[in-house]
Structures are given as structure tokens and as C-alpha cells.
Amino acid sequence: NNLNPEDTAVYYCNLGVRLPSLRYGDYWGLGTQVTVS
């Protein structure tokens, strides 16, 4: 919500996020483009 242009990016889903570091896990999606303009 309340998107701003700084949110423009490719957004990737990740499975297996590590705790407590929040480093990404082993599985990625291909991504979906979000453009705020």
C-alpha cells in the first residue's frame, strides 16, 4: 500500500529464509516486476 517510486524493482519470492539473519534460502522464484510511476 501507499506505493512510491522507490518501490520500483523486481520482487522475488524465496523459500527457506534463515533465522535470525534473514538471509535468503535455497529456492527462488523468477520474479515479478513492480513499477511505480
PDB file of all heavy atoms in Angstrom:
ATOM      1  N   ASN A   1       0.834  -1.197   0.000  1.00  0.00           N
ATOM      2  CA  ASN A   1       0.000   0.000   0.000  1.00  0.00           C
ATOM      3  C   ASN A   1       0.867   1.245   0.000  1.00  0.00           C
ATOM      4  O   ASN A   1       2.036   1.206   0.379  1.00  0.00           O
ATOM      5  CB  ASN A   1      -0.917   0.014   1.223  1.00  0.00           C
ATOM      6  CG  ASN A   1      -1.886  -1.135   1.252  1.00  0.00           C
ATOM      7  OD1 ASN A   1      -2.345  -1.606   0.216  1.00  0.00           O
ATOM      8  ND2 ASN A   1      -2.224  -1.593   2.459  1.00  0.00           N
ATOM      9  N   ASN A   2       0.263   2.361  -0.402  1.00  0.00           N
ATOM     10  CA  ASN A   2       0.959   3.647  -0.433  1.00  0.00           C
ATOM     11  C   ASN A   2       2.304   3.539  -1.147  1.00  0.00           C
ATOM     12  O   ASN A   2       3.339   3.978  -0.648  1.00  0.00           O
ATOM     13  CB  ASN A   2       1.144   4.186   0.986  1.00  0.00           C
ATOM     14  CG  ASN A   2       1.535   5.647   1.006  1.00  0.00           C
ATOM     15  OD1 ASN A   2       1.251   6.398   0.067  1.00  0.00           O
ATOM     16  ND2 ASN A   2       2.201   6.070   2.077  1.00  0.00           N
ATOM     17  N   LEU A   3       2.263   2.968  -2.330  1.00  0.00           N
ATOM     18  CA  LEU A   3       3.485   2.764  -3.100  1.00  0.00           C
ATOM     19  C   LEU A   3       4.136   4.086  -3.480  1.00  0.00           C
ATOM     20  O   LEU A   3       3.459   5.083  -3.719  1.00  0.00           O
ATOM     21  CB  LEU A   3       3.175   1.968  -4.363  1.00  0.00           C
ATOM     22  CG  LEU A   3       2.866   0.485  -4.142  1.00  0.00           C
ATOM     23  CD1 LEU A   3       2.147  -0.091  -5.352  1.00  0.00           C
ATOM     24  CD2 LEU A   3       4.150  -0.282  -3.860  1.00  0.00           C
ATOM     25  N   ASN A   4       5.455   4.074  -3.535  1.00  0.00           N
ATOM     26  CA  ASN A   4       6.206   5.224  -4.009  1.00  0.00           C
ATOM     27  C   ASN A   4       7.225   4.763  -5.042  1.00  0.00           C
ATOM     28  O   ASN A   4       7.501   3.564  -5.169  1.00  0.00           O
ATOM     29  CB  ASN A   4       6.865   5.976  -2.842  1.00  0.00           C
ATOM     30  CG  ASN A   4       7.895   5.160  -2.097  1.00  0.00           C
ATOM     31  OD1 ASN A   4       8.904   4.767  -2.668  1.00  0.00           O
ATOM     32  ND2 ASN A   4       7.655   4.929  -0.817  1.00  0.00           N
ATOM     33  N   PRO A   5       7.811   5.677  -5.814  1.00  0.00           N
ATOM     34  CA  PRO A   5       8.731   5.270  -6.879  1.00  0.00           C
ATOM     35  C   PRO A   5       9.934   4.470  -6.385  1.00  0.00           C
ATOM     36  O   PRO A   5      10.494   3.688  -7.157  1.00  0.00           O
ATOM     37  CB  PRO A   5       9.163   6.606  -7.488  1.00  0.00           C
ATOM     38  CG  PRO A   5       7.994   7.502  -7.260  1.00  0.00           C
ATOM     39  CD  PRO A   5       7.483   7.118  -5.906  1.00  0.00           C
ATOM     40  N   GLU A   6      10.330   4.641  -5.126  1.00  0.00           N
ATOM     41  CA  GLU A   6      11.447   3.875  -4.579  1.00  0.00           C
ATOM     42  C   GLU A   6      11.131   2.391  -4.442  1.00  0.00           C
ATOM     43  O   GLU A   6      12.047   1.586  -4.232  1.00  0.00           O
ATOM     44  CB  GLU A   6      11.857   4.433  -3.213  1.00  0.00           C
ATOM     45  CG  GLU A   6      12.335   5.882  -3.254  1.00  0.00           C
ATOM     46  CD  GLU A   6      13.546   6.062  -4.133  1.00  0.00           C
ATOM     47  OE1 GLU A   6      14.516   5.300  -3.963  1.00  0.00           O
ATOM     48  OE2 GLU A   6      13.526   6.963  -4.996  1.00  0.00           O
ATOM     49  N   ASP A   7       9.863   2.020  -4.554  1.00  0.00           N
ATOM     50  CA  ASP A   7       9.471   0.620  -4.503  1.00  0.00           C
ATOM     51  C   ASP A   7       9.642  -0.088  -5.842  1.00  0.00           C
ATOM     52  O   ASP A   7       9.450  -1.302  -5.923  1.00  0.00           O
ATOM     53  CB  ASP A   7       8.014   0.491  -4.047  1.00  0.00           C
ATOM     54  CG  ASP A   7       7.791   1.034  -2.651  1.00  0.00           C
ATOM     55  OD1 ASP A   7       8.632   0.767  -1.766  1.00  0.00           O
ATOM     56  OD2 ASP A   7       6.765   1.719  -2.444  1.00  0.00           O
ATOM     57  N   THR A   8       9.965   0.645  -6.890  1.00  0.00           N
ATOM     58  CA  THR A   8      10.144   0.043  -8.207  1.00  0.00           C
ATOM     59  C   THR A   8      11.309  -0.938  -8.188  1.00  0.00           C
ATOM     60  O   THR A   8      12.432  -0.577  -7.834  1.00  0.00           O
ATOM     61  CB  THR A   8      10.385   1.126  -9.259  1.00  0.00           C
ATOM     62  OG1 THR A   8       9.222   1.955  -9.370  1.00  0.00           O
ATOM     63  CG2 THR A   8      10.685   0.505 -10.618  1.00  0.00           C
ATOM     64  N   ALA A   9      11.037  -2.186  -8.563  1.00  0.00           N
ATOM     65  CA  ALA A   9      12.045  -3.238  -8.521  1.00  0.00           C
ATOM     66  C   ALA A   9      11.431  -4.520  -9.049  1.00  0.00           C
ATOM     67  O   ALA A   9      10.216  -4.613  -9.254  1.00  0.00           O
ATOM     68  CB  ALA A   9      12.546  -3.461  -7.092  1.00  0.00           C
ATOM     69  N   VAL A  10      12.278  -5.522  -9.256  1.00  0.00           N
ATOM     70  CA  VAL A  10      11.803  -6.878  -9.447  1.00  0.00           C
ATOM     71  C   VAL A  10      11.681  -7.512  -8.071  1.00  0.00           C
ATOM     72  O   VAL A  10      12.631  -7.490  -7.285  1.00  0.00           O
ATOM     73  CB  VAL A  10      12.739  -7.702 -10.343  1.00  0.00           C
ATOM     74  CG1 VAL A  10      12.236  -9.135 -10.473  1.00  0.00           C
ATOM     75  CG2 VAL A  10      12.849  -7.061 -11.722  1.00  0.00           C
ATOM     76  N   TYR A  11      10.523  -8.074  -7.789  1.00  0.00           N
ATOM     77  CA  TYR A  11      10.254  -8.688  -6.499  1.00  0.00           C
ATOM     78  C   TYR A  11      10.332 -10.202  -6.628  1.00  0.00           C
ATOM     79  O   TYR A  11       9.704 -10.791  -7.507  1.00  0.00           O
ATOM     80  CB  TYR A  11       8.876  -8.272  -5.986  1.00  0.00           C
ATOM     81  CG  TYR A  11       8.853  -6.867  -5.447  1.00  0.00           C
ATOM     82  CD1 TYR A  11       8.980  -5.780  -6.301  1.00  0.00           C
ATOM     83  CD2 TYR A  11       8.728  -6.625  -4.080  1.00  0.00           C
ATOM     84  CE1 TYR A  11       8.988  -4.487  -5.817  1.00  0.00           C
ATOM     85  CE2 TYR A  11       8.729  -5.335  -3.586  1.00  0.00           C
ATOM     86  CZ  TYR A  11       8.854  -4.270  -4.450  1.00  0.00           C
ATOM     87  OH  TYR A  11       8.855  -2.986  -3.961  1.00  0.00           O
ATOM     88  N   TYR A  12      11.099 -10.816  -5.736  1.00  0.00           N
ATOM     89  CA  TYR A  12      11.347 -12.247  -5.773  1.00  0.00           C
ATOM     90  C   TYR A  12      10.825 -12.916  -4.511  1.00  0.00           C
ATOM     91  O   TYR A  12      11.069 -12.444  -3.401  1.00  0.00           O
ATOM     92  CB  TYR A  12      12.842 -12.546  -5.868  1.00  0.00           C
ATOM     93  CG  TYR A  12      13.510 -12.028  -7.115  1.00  0.00           C
ATOM     94  CD1 TYR A  12      14.126 -10.786  -7.129  1.00  0.00           C
ATOM     95  CD2 TYR A  12      13.536 -12.792  -8.274  1.00  0.00           C
ATOM     96  CE1 TYR A  12      14.751 -10.314  -8.264  1.00  0.00           C
ATOM     97  CE2 TYR A  12      14.158 -12.327  -9.411  1.00  0.00           C
ATOM     98  CZ  TYR A  12      14.765 -11.092  -9.408  1.00  0.00           C
ATOM     99  OH  TYR A  12      15.386 -10.628 -10.536  1.00  0.00           O
ATOM    100  N   CYS A  13      10.163 -14.027  -4.691  1.00  0.00           N
ATOM    101  CA  CYS A  13       9.736 -14.883  -3.602  1.00  0.00           C
ATOM    102  C   CYS A  13      10.860 -15.852  -3.253  1.00  0.00           C
ATOM    103  O   CYS A  13      11.569 -16.336  -4.140  1.00  0.00           O
ATOM    104  CB  CYS A  13       8.484 -15.647  -4.032  1.00  0.00           C
ATOM    105  SG  CYS A  13       7.810 -16.793  -2.828  1.00  0.00           S
ATOM    106  N   ASN A  14      11.033 -16.130  -1.961  1.00  0.00           N
ATOM    107  CA  ASN A  14      12.091 -17.024  -1.520  1.00  0.00           C
ATOM    108  C   ASN A  14      11.571 -17.999  -0.473  1.00  0.00           C
ATOM    109  O   ASN A  14      10.853 -17.602   0.449  1.00  0.00           O
ATOM    110  CB  ASN A  14      13.260 -16.221  -0.938  1.00  0.00           C
ATOM    111  CG  ASN A  14      14.403 -17.099  -0.496  1.00  0.00           C
ATOM    112  OD1 ASN A  14      14.541 -17.410   0.681  1.00  0.00           O
ATOM    113  ND2 ASN A  14      15.233 -17.504  -1.449  1.00  0.00           N
ATOM    114  N   LEU A  15      11.951 -19.257  -0.620  1.00  0.00           N
ATOM    115  CA  LEU A  15      11.561 -20.308   0.312  1.00  0.00           C
ATOM    116  C   LEU A  15      12.774 -20.747   1.112  1.00  0.00           C
ATOM    117  O   LEU A  15      13.823 -21.042   0.527  1.00  0.00           O
ATOM    118  CB  LEU A  15      10.958 -21.497  -0.454  1.00  0.00           C
ATOM    119  CG  LEU A  15      10.458 -22.691   0.352  1.00  0.00           C
ATOM    120  CD1 LEU A  15       9.245 -23.314  -0.326  1.00  0.00           C
ATOM    121  CD2 LEU A  15      11.547 -23.742   0.506  1.00  0.00           C
ATOM    122  N   GLY A  16      12.633 -20.785   2.435  1.00  0.00           N
ATOM    123  CA  GLY A  16      13.695 -21.241   3.307  1.00  0.00           C
ATOM    124  C   GLY A  16      14.508 -20.134   3.937  1.00  0.00           C
ATOM    125  O   GLY A  16      15.686 -20.332   4.259  1.00  0.00           O
ATOM    126  N   VAL A  17      13.922 -18.961   4.143  1.00  0.00           N
ATOM    127  CA  VAL A  17      14.617 -17.831   4.757  1.00  0.00           C
ATOM    128  C   VAL A  17      15.218 -18.249   6.100  1.00  0.00           C
ATOM    129  O   VAL A  17      14.560 -18.901   6.914  1.00  0.00           O
ATOM    130  CB  VAL A  17      13.664 -16.639   4.937  1.00  0.00           C
ATOM    131  CG1 VAL A  17      14.344 -15.514   5.711  1.00  0.00           C
ATOM    132  CG2 VAL A  17      13.175 -16.136   3.582  1.00  0.00           C
ATOM    133  N   ARG A  18      16.477 -17.845   6.319  1.00  0.00           N
ATOM    134  CA  ARG A  18      17.197 -18.249   7.529  1.00  0.00           C
ATOM    135  C   ARG A  18      16.946 -17.286   8.679  1.00  0.00           C
ATOM    136  O   ARG A  18      16.798 -16.076   8.478  1.00  0.00           O
ATOM    137  CB  ARG A  18      18.703 -18.306   7.242  1.00  0.00           C
ATOM    138  CG  ARG A  18      19.094 -18.926   5.909  1.00  0.00           C
ATOM    139  CD  ARG A  18      18.656 -20.364   5.781  1.00  0.00           C
ATOM    140  NE  ARG A  18      19.008 -20.895   4.463  1.00  0.00           N
ATOM    141  CZ  ARG A  18      20.053 -21.658   4.213  1.00  0.00           C
ATOM    142  NH1 ARG A  18      20.878 -22.011   5.200  1.00  0.00           N
ATOM    143  NH2 ARG A  18      20.290 -22.094   2.987  1.00  0.00           N
ATOM    144  N   LEU A  19      16.919 -17.838   9.883  1.00  0.00           N
ATOM    145  CA  LEU A  19      16.791 -17.054  11.108  1.00  0.00           C
ATOM    146  C   LEU A  19      18.020 -17.267  11.980  1.00  0.00           C
ATOM    147  O   LEU A  19      18.578 -18.367  12.014  1.00  0.00           O
ATOM    148  CB  LEU A  19      15.536 -17.466  11.877  1.00  0.00           C
ATOM    149  CG  LEU A  19      14.192 -17.242  11.182  1.00  0.00           C
ATOM    150  CD1 LEU A  19      13.071 -17.783  12.036  1.00  0.00           C
ATOM    151  CD2 LEU A  19      13.976 -15.775  10.872  1.00  0.00           C
ATOM    152  N   PRO A  20      18.440 -16.233  12.721  1.00  0.00           N
ATOM    153  CA  PRO A  20      17.859 -14.894  12.788  1.00  0.00           C
ATOM    154  C   PRO A  20      18.379 -13.908  11.759  1.00  0.00           C
ATOM    155  O   PRO A  20      17.958 -12.750  11.769  1.00  0.00           O
ATOM    156  CB  PRO A  20      18.268 -14.443  14.189  1.00  0.00           C
ATOM    157  CG  PRO A  20      19.625 -15.025  14.356  1.00  0.00           C
ATOM    158  CD  PRO A  20      19.560 -16.383  13.687  1.00  0.00           C
ATOM    159  N   SER A  21      19.256 -14.348  10.847  1.00  0.00           N
ATOM    160  CA  SER A  21      19.917 -13.436   9.920  1.00  0.00           C
ATOM    161  C   SER A  21      18.987 -12.868   8.859  1.00  0.00           C
ATOM    162  O   SER A  21      19.269 -11.805   8.296  1.00  0.00           O
ATOM    163  CB  SER A  21      21.080 -14.145   9.232  1.00  0.00           C
ATOM    164  OG  SER A  21      20.609 -15.181   8.384  1.00  0.00           O
ATOM    165  N   LEU A  22      17.916 -13.581   8.539  1.00  0.00           N
ATOM    166  CA  LEU A  22      17.010 -13.262   7.441  1.00  0.00           C
ATOM    167  C   LEU A  22      17.695 -13.359   6.077  1.00  0.00           C
ATOM    168  O   LEU A  22      17.215 -12.787   5.093  1.00  0.00           O
ATOM    169  CB  LEU A  22      16.358 -11.891   7.629  1.00  0.00           C
ATOM    170  CG  LEU A  22      15.512 -11.735   8.903  1.00  0.00           C
ATOM    171  CD1 LEU A  22      14.932 -10.335   8.997  1.00  0.00           C
ATOM    172  CD2 LEU A  22      14.398 -12.773   8.937  1.00  0.00           C
ATOM    173  N   ARG A  23      18.790 -14.088   6.015  1.00  0.00           N
ATOM    174  CA  ARG A  23      19.406 -14.402   4.737  1.00  0.00           C
ATOM    175  C   ARG A  23      18.477 -15.314   3.950  1.00  0.00           C
ATOM    176  O   ARG A  23      17.734 -16.117   4.511  1.00  0.00           O
ATOM    177  CB  ARG A  23      20.748 -15.096   4.962  1.00  0.00           C
ATOM    178  CG  ARG A  23      21.499 -15.454   3.695  1.00  0.00           C
ATOM    179  CD  ARG A  23      22.848 -16.062   4.016  1.00  0.00           C
ATOM    180  NE  ARG A  23      23.507 -16.577   2.833  1.00  0.00           N
ATOM    181  CZ  ARG A  23      24.251 -15.855   2.007  1.00  0.00           C
ATOM    182  NH1 ARG A  23      24.443 -14.557   2.244  1.00  0.00           N
ATOM    183  NH2 ARG A  23      24.815 -16.411   0.941  1.00  0.00           N
ATOM    184  N   TYR A  24      18.551 -15.187   2.628  1.00  0.00           N
ATOM    185  CA  TYR A  24      17.669 -15.949   1.759  1.00  0.00           C
ATOM    186  C   TYR A  24      17.938 -17.449   1.839  1.00  0.00           C
ATOM    187  O   TYR A  24      19.039 -17.897   2.136  1.00  0.00           O
ATOM    188  CB  TYR A  24      17.801 -15.476   0.314  1.00  0.00           C
ATOM    189  CG  TYR A  24      19.223 -15.429  -0.192  1.00  0.00           C
ATOM    190  CD1 TYR A  24      19.855 -16.567  -0.666  1.00  0.00           C
ATOM    191  CD2 TYR A  24      19.922 -14.224  -0.204  1.00  0.00           C
ATOM    192  CE1 TYR A  24      21.162 -16.518  -1.126  1.00  0.00           C
ATOM    193  CE2 TYR A  24      21.225 -14.169  -0.662  1.00  0.00           C
ATOM    194  CZ  TYR A  24      21.841 -15.324  -1.123  1.00  0.00           C
ATOM    195  OH  TYR A  24      23.130 -15.271  -1.585  1.00  0.00           O
ATOM    196  N   GLY A  25      16.921 -18.224   1.545  1.00  0.00           N
ATOM    197  CA  GLY A  25      17.024 -19.666   1.494  1.00  0.00           C
ATOM    198  C   GLY A  25      17.379 -20.165   0.111  1.00  0.00           C
ATOM    199  O   GLY A  25      17.785 -19.403  -0.770  1.00  0.00           O
ATOM    200  N   ASP A  26      17.210 -21.457  -0.101  1.00  0.00           N
ATOM    201  CA  ASP A  26      17.750 -22.122  -1.280  1.00  0.00           C
ATOM    202  C   ASP A  26      16.901 -22.005  -2.540  1.00  0.00           C
ATOM    203  O   ASP A  26      17.376 -22.346  -3.625  1.00  0.00           O
ATOM    204  CB  ASP A  26      17.966 -23.609  -0.990  1.00  0.00           C
ATOM    205  CG  ASP A  26      19.084 -23.854   0.001  1.00  0.00           C
ATOM    206  OD1 ASP A  26      19.950 -22.978   0.163  1.00  0.00           O
ATOM    207  OD2 ASP A  26      19.093 -24.940   0.614  1.00  0.00           O
ATOM    208  N   TYR A  27      15.673 -21.543  -2.415  1.00  0.00           N
ATOM    209  CA  TYR A  27      14.762 -21.572  -3.548  1.00  0.00           C
ATOM    210  C   TYR A  27      14.218 -20.195  -3.858  1.00  0.00           C
ATOM    211  O   TYR A  27      13.711 -19.494  -2.983  1.00  0.00           O
ATOM    212  CB  TYR A  27      13.611 -22.539  -3.284  1.00  0.00           C
ATOM    213  CG  TYR A  27      14.072 -23.961  -3.096  1.00  0.00           C
ATOM    214  CD1 TYR A  27      14.303 -24.481  -1.833  1.00  0.00           C
ATOM    215  CD2 TYR A  27      14.276 -24.790  -4.197  1.00  0.00           C
ATOM    216  CE1 TYR A  27      14.737 -25.779  -1.661  1.00  0.00           C
ATOM    217  CE2 TYR A  27      14.709 -26.094  -4.034  1.00  0.00           C
ATOM    218  CZ  TYR A  27      14.939 -26.583  -2.759  1.00  0.00           C
ATOM    219  OH  TYR A  27      15.368 -27.876  -2.604  1.00  0.00           O
ATOM    220  N   TRP A  28      14.314 -19.827  -5.141  1.00  0.00           N
ATOM    221  CA  TRP A  28      13.846 -18.537  -5.633  1.00  0.00           C
ATOM    222  C   TRP A  28      12.801 -18.701  -6.727  1.00  0.00           C
ATOM    223  O   TRP A  28      12.876 -19.621  -7.541  1.00  0.00           O
ATOM    224  CB  TRP A  28      14.994 -17.744  -6.245  1.00  0.00           C
ATOM    225  CG  TRP A  28      16.015 -17.218  -5.296  1.00  0.00           C
ATOM    226  CD1 TRP A  28      17.240 -17.752  -5.039  1.00  0.00           C
ATOM    227  CD2 TRP A  28      15.922 -16.039  -4.504  1.00  0.00           C
ATOM    228  NE1 TRP A  28      17.923 -16.974  -4.132  1.00  0.00           N
ATOM    229  CE2 TRP A  28      17.133 -15.912  -3.793  1.00  0.00           C
ATOM    230  CE3 TRP A  28      14.931 -15.072  -4.328  1.00  0.00           C
ATOM    231  CZ2 TRP A  28      17.379 -14.854  -2.917  1.00  0.00           C
ATOM    232  CZ3 TRP A  28      15.173 -14.026  -3.452  1.00  0.00           C
ATOM    233  CH2 TRP A  28      16.389 -13.926  -2.765  1.00  0.00           C
ATOM    234  N   GLY A  29      11.860 -17.772  -6.764  1.00  0.00           N
ATOM    235  CA  GLY A  29      11.030 -17.621  -7.938  1.00  0.00           C
ATOM    236  C   GLY A  29      11.757 -16.806  -8.992  1.00  0.00           C
ATOM    237  O   GLY A  29      12.867 -16.305  -8.772  1.00  0.00           O
ATOM    238  N   LEU A  30      11.143 -16.664 -10.147  1.00  0.00           N
ATOM    239  CA  LEU A  30      11.755 -15.925 -11.245  1.00  0.00           C
ATOM    240  C   LEU A  30      11.549 -14.417 -11.141  1.00  0.00           C
ATOM    241  O   LEU A  30      12.213 -13.657 -11.845  1.00  0.00           O
ATOM    242  CB  LEU A  30      11.214 -16.418 -12.584  1.00  0.00           C
ATOM    243  CG  LEU A  30      11.569 -17.857 -12.951  1.00  0.00           C
ATOM    244  CD1 LEU A  30      10.941 -18.229 -14.285  1.00  0.00           C
ATOM    245  CD2 LEU A  30      13.071 -18.048 -12.995  1.00  0.00           C
ATOM    246  N   GLY A  31      10.662 -13.983 -10.285  1.00  0.00           N
ATOM    247  CA  GLY A  31      10.462 -12.571 -10.038  1.00  0.00           C
ATOM    248  C   GLY A  31       9.285 -11.991 -10.796  1.00  0.00           C
ATOM    249  O   GLY A  31       8.843 -12.521 -11.815  1.00  0.00           O
ATOM    250  N   THR A  32       8.780 -10.888 -10.276  1.00  0.00           N
ATOM    251  CA  THR A  32       7.712 -10.143 -10.922  1.00  0.00           C
ATOM    252  C   THR A  32       8.033  -8.655 -10.818  1.00  0.00           C
ATOM    253  O   THR A  32       8.452  -8.164  -9.769  1.00  0.00           O
ATOM    254  CB  THR A  32       6.336 -10.481 -10.303  1.00  0.00           C
ATOM    255  OG1 THR A  32       5.299  -9.812 -11.027  1.00  0.00           O
ATOM    256  CG2 THR A  32       6.260 -10.086  -8.836  1.00  0.00           C
ATOM    257  N   GLN A  33       7.862  -7.947 -11.923  1.00  0.00           N
ATOM    258  CA  GLN A  33       8.227  -6.536 -11.984  1.00  0.00           C
ATOM    259  C   GLN A  33       7.146  -5.666 -11.359  1.00  0.00           C
ATOM    260  O   GLN A  33       5.960  -5.809 -11.666  1.00  0.00           O
ATOM    261  CB  GLN A  33       8.437  -6.110 -13.439  1.00  0.00           C
ATOM    262  CG  GLN A  33       8.742  -4.627 -13.622  1.00  0.00           C
ATOM    263  CD  GLN A  33      10.123  -4.250 -13.140  1.00  0.00           C
ATOM    264  OE1 GLN A  33      11.098  -4.929 -13.459  1.00  0.00           O
ATOM    265  NE2 GLN A  33      10.212  -3.164 -12.371  1.00  0.00           N
ATOM    266  N   VAL A  34       7.576  -4.759 -10.490  1.00  0.00           N
ATOM    267  CA  VAL A  34       6.705  -3.735  -9.929  1.00  0.00           C
ATOM    268  C   VAL A  34       7.267  -2.378 -10.336  1.00  0.00           C
ATOM    269  O   VAL A  34       8.432  -2.076 -10.064  1.00  0.00           O
ATOM    270  CB  VAL A  34       6.612  -3.836  -8.397  1.00  0.00           C
ATOM    271  CG1 VAL A  34       5.887  -2.625  -7.813  1.00  0.00           C
ATOM    272  CG2 VAL A  34       5.917  -5.127  -7.999  1.00  0.00           C
ATOM    273  N   THR A  35       6.450  -1.580 -11.000  1.00  0.00           N
ATOM    274  CA  THR A  35       6.860  -0.255 -11.432  1.00  0.00           C
ATOM    275  C   THR A  35       5.890   0.768 -10.867  1.00  0.00           C
ATOM    276  O   THR A  35       4.678   0.678 -11.100  1.00  0.00           O
ATOM    277  CB  THR A  35       6.894  -0.158 -12.960  1.00  0.00           C
ATOM    278  OG1 THR A  35       7.791  -1.137 -13.490  1.00  0.00           O
ATOM    279  CG2 THR A  35       7.355   1.229 -13.396  1.00  0.00           C
ATOM    280  N   VAL A  36       6.414   1.735 -10.137  1.00  0.00           N
ATOM    281  CA  VAL A  36       5.604   2.790  -9.527  1.00  0.00           C
ATOM    282  C   VAL A  36       5.998   4.100 -10.193  1.00  0.00           C
ATOM    283  O   VAL A  36       7.116   4.591 -10.015  1.00  0.00           O
ATOM    284  CB  VAL A  36       5.798   2.860  -8.016  1.00  0.00           C
ATOM    285  CG1 VAL A  36       4.872   3.914  -7.418  1.00  0.00           C
ATOM    286  CG2 VAL A  36       5.541   1.498  -7.386  1.00  0.00           C
ATOM    287  N   SER A  37       5.082   4.648 -10.966  1.00  0.00           N
ATOM    288  CA  SER A  37       5.388   5.832 -11.753  1.00  0.00           C
ATOM    289  C   SER A  37       4.105   6.576 -12.072  1.00  0.00           C
ATOM    290  O   SER A  37       3.047   5.979 -12.263  1.00  0.00           O
ATOM    291  CB  SER A  37       6.095   5.444 -13.052  1.00  0.00           C
ATOM    292  OG  SER A  37       6.319   6.574 -13.875  1.00  0.00           O
TER     293      SER A  37
END
